[in-house]
Amino acid sequence: MIDNLLKETIETLAEHGKSLADVVWFGTEKARIDCDINVLLDGDYDSGYGTSEIPQSFIIVGSDFWLERHEYDGSEWWEYKAMPKMPVAMVKCNDVMRIA
């Protein structure tokens, strides 16, 4: 299955109410990439089963979210992660094992 990484990224962001304008940085945990994200991502790749083509270490980061690459048996996709919201409820330290 041939996909365009830019189109896939835009669609994944849109599913969560985000766009490329919400991206703060992109790269890996070791280094940011200094280029136009549109140019970097605008390419086709085989997202189907087989060998991964997009590095699994590649991440796209916004102020309250990030996209990380996932794969299963060579099939690839973005997984959206959001910062958890702080709960209003609070428990005492000795009750910590009772929350689920």
C-alpha atoms as a PDB file:
ATOM      1  CA  MET A   1       0.000   0.000   0.000  1.00  0.00           C
ATOM      2  CA  ILE A   2       1.582   3.288  -1.108  1.00  0.00           C
ATOM      3  CA  ASP A   3       0.952   6.298   1.136  1.00  0.00           C
ATOM      4  CA  ASN A   4       2.201   9.864   1.167  1.00  0.00           C
ATOM      5  CA  LEU A   5       3.760  10.693   4.545  1.00  0.00           C
ATOM      6  CA  LEU A   6       2.736  14.372   4.404  1.00  0.00           C
ATOM      7  CA  LYS A   7      -0.891  13.517   3.606  1.00  0.00           C
ATOM      8  CA  GLU A   8      -0.936  10.819   6.316  1.00  0.00           C
ATOM      9  CA  THR A   9       0.510  13.271   8.858  1.00  0.00           C
ATOM     10  CA  ILE A  10      -1.999  16.010   8.001  1.00  0.00           C
ATOM     11  CA  GLU A  11      -4.888  13.524   8.257  1.00  0.00           C
ATOM     12  CA  THR A  12      -3.685  12.165  11.607  1.00  0.00           C
ATOM     13  CA  LEU A  13      -3.341  15.674  13.028  1.00  0.00           C
ATOM     14  CA  ALA A  14      -6.779  16.683  11.687  1.00  0.00           C
ATOM     15  CA  GLU A  15      -8.402  13.665  13.372  1.00  0.00           C
ATOM     16  CA  HIS A  16      -7.326  15.250  16.671  1.00  0.00           C
ATOM     17  CA  GLY A  17      -8.144  18.879  15.837  1.00  0.00           C
ATOM     18  CA  LYS A  18      -4.530  19.778  15.033  1.00  0.00           C
ATOM     19  CA  SER A  19      -2.642  20.906  11.936  1.00  0.00           C
ATOM     20  CA  LEU A  20       0.965  21.337  10.832  1.00  0.00           C
ATOM     21  CA  ALA A  21       0.745  24.882  12.250  1.00  0.00           C
ATOM     22  CA  ASP A  22       0.520  23.278  15.720  1.00  0.00           C
ATOM     23  CA  VAL A  23       3.869  21.503  15.313  1.00  0.00           C
ATOM     24  CA  VAL A  24       6.610  22.996  17.508  1.00  0.00           C
ATOM     25  CA  TRP A  25       9.464  20.722  16.424  1.00  0.00           C
ATOM     26  CA  PHE A  26      10.188  17.373  14.785  1.00  0.00           C
ATOM     27  CA  GLY A  27      13.052  14.924  14.722  1.00  0.00           C
ATOM     28  CA  THR A  28      14.084  12.280  17.248  1.00  0.00           C
ATOM     29  CA  GLU A  29      14.728  12.313  20.982  1.00  0.00           C
ATOM     30  CA  LYS A  30      18.400  12.974  20.135  1.00  0.00           C
ATOM     31  CA  ALA A  31      18.093  15.839  17.629  1.00  0.00           C
ATOM     32  CA  ARG A  32      15.632  18.227  15.999  1.00  0.00           C
ATOM     33  CA  ILE A  33      15.498  18.387  12.216  1.00  0.00           C
ATOM     34  CA  ASP A  34      16.132  21.828  10.701  1.00  0.00           C
ATOM     35  CA  CYS A  35      14.150  21.952   7.446  1.00  0.00           C
ATOM     36  CA  ASP A  36      10.666  22.621   6.115  1.00  0.00           C
ATOM     37  CA  ILE A  37       8.402  19.856   7.451  1.00  0.00           C
ATOM     38  CA  ASN A  38       6.338  19.972   4.231  1.00  0.00           C
ATOM     39  CA  VAL A  39       9.429  19.218   2.138  1.00  0.00           C
ATOM     40  CA  LEU A  40      10.700  16.520   4.497  1.00  0.00           C
ATOM     41  CA  LEU A  41       7.400  14.623   4.679  1.00  0.00           C
ATOM     42  CA  ASP A  42       6.237  15.028   1.076  1.00  0.00           C
ATOM     43  CA  GLY A  43       7.151  11.616  -0.232  1.00  0.00           C
ATOM     44  CA  ASP A  44       5.501   8.299  -0.922  1.00  0.00           C
ATOM     45  CA  TYR A  45       6.336   5.127   0.959  1.00  0.00           C
ATOM     46  CA  ASP A  46       5.015   1.589   1.237  1.00  0.00           C
ATOM     47  CA  SER A  47       3.022   1.517   4.507  1.00  0.00           C
ATOM     48  CA  GLY A  48       1.974  -2.092   4.045  1.00  0.00           C
ATOM     49  CA  TYR A  49       3.504  -5.210   5.498  1.00  0.00           C
ATOM     50  CA  GLY A  50       7.190  -5.804   4.874  1.00  0.00           C
ATOM     51  CA  THR A  51      10.104  -3.614   5.918  1.00  0.00           C
ATOM     52  CA  SER A  52       9.568  -0.324   7.809  1.00  0.00           C
ATOM     53  CA  GLU A  53      10.526   2.653   5.671  1.00  0.00           C
ATOM     54  CA  ILE A  54      10.077   5.563   8.130  1.00  0.00           C
ATOM     55  CA  PRO A  55      12.439   5.500  11.149  1.00  0.00           C
ATOM     56  CA  GLN A  56      10.573   4.446  14.296  1.00  0.00           C
ATOM     57  CA  SER A  57      12.511   7.104  16.254  1.00  0.00           C
ATOM     58  CA  PHE A  58      10.918   9.946  14.244  1.00  0.00           C
ATOM     59  CA  ILE A  59       8.527  12.132  16.283  1.00  0.00           C
ATOM     60  CA  ILE A  60       6.481  15.261  15.618  1.00  0.00           C
ATOM     61  CA  VAL A  61       5.885  17.407  18.692  1.00  0.00           C
ATOM     62  CA  GLY A  62       3.351  20.116  19.520  1.00  0.00           C
ATOM     63  CA  SER A  63       2.850  22.007  22.762  1.00  0.00           C
ATOM     64  CA  ASP A  64       0.444  19.413  24.183  1.00  0.00           C
ATOM     65  CA  PHE A  65       0.801  16.382  21.885  1.00  0.00           C
ATOM     66  CA  TRP A  66       3.209  14.305  19.884  1.00  0.00           C
ATOM     67  CA  LEU A  67       3.066  11.817  17.030  1.00  0.00           C
ATOM     68  CA  GLU A  68       5.235   8.743  17.154  1.00  0.00           C
ATOM     69  CA  ARG A  69       5.769   6.052  14.557  1.00  0.00           C
ATOM     70  CA  HIS A  70       4.498   2.558  15.185  1.00  0.00           C
ATOM     71  CA  GLU A  71       4.746  -0.560  13.112  1.00  0.00           C
ATOM     72  CA  TYR A  72       3.605  -4.138  13.159  1.00  0.00           C
ATOM     73  CA  ASP A  73       5.324  -6.609  10.870  1.00  0.00           C
ATOM     74  CA  GLY A  74       6.389  -3.725   8.644  1.00  0.00           C
ATOM     75  CA  SER A  75       2.959  -2.024   8.483  1.00  0.00           C
ATOM     76  CA  GLU A  76       3.471   1.599   9.620  1.00  0.00           C
ATOM     77  CA  TRP A  77       1.347   4.437  11.003  1.00  0.00           C
ATOM     78  CA  TRP A  78       1.384   7.510  13.251  1.00  0.00           C
ATOM     79  CA  GLU A  79       0.103   7.157  16.790  1.00  0.00           C
ATOM     80  CA  TYR A  80      -1.207  10.360  18.392  1.00  0.00           C
ATOM     81  CA  LYS A  81      -0.271  10.957  22.023  1.00  0.00           C
ATOM     82  CA  ALA A  82      -1.652  13.791  24.154  1.00  0.00           C
ATOM     83  CA  MET A  83      -0.506  15.144  27.474  1.00  0.00           C
ATOM     84  CA  PRO A  84      -2.842  13.740  30.116  1.00  0.00           C
ATOM     85  CA  LYS A  85      -5.130  16.224  31.811  1.00  0.00           C
ATOM     86  CA  MET A  86      -4.527  16.680  35.519  1.00  0.00           C
ATOM     87  CA  PRO A  87      -7.441  15.141  37.456  1.00  0.00           C
ATOM     88  CA  VAL A  88      -9.425  17.327  39.821  1.00  0.00           C
ATOM     89  CA  ALA A  89      -9.752  14.488  42.354  1.00  0.00           C
ATOM     90  CA  MET A  90      -6.902  13.954  44.781  1.00  0.00           C
ATOM     91  CA  VAL A  91      -6.143  11.105  47.161  1.00  0.00           C
ATOM     92  CA  LYS A  92      -3.912  10.925  50.207  1.00  0.00           C
ATOM     93  CA  CYS A  93      -0.593   9.193  49.849  1.00  0.00           C
ATOM     94  CA  ASN A  94      -1.663   6.169  51.910  1.00  0.00           C
ATOM     95  CA  ASP A  95      -4.712   5.688  49.621  1.00  0.00           C
ATOM     96  CA  VAL A  96      -2.696   5.584  46.397  1.00  0.00           C
ATOM     97  CA  MET A  97      -3.186   1.846  45.902  1.00  0.00           C
ATOM     98  CA  ARG A  98      -6.980   2.232  46.043  1.00  0.00           C
ATOM     99  CA  ILE A  99      -7.299   4.395  42.913  1.00  0.00           C
ATOM    100  CA  ALA A 100      -7.843   2.731  39.565  1.00  0.00           C
END
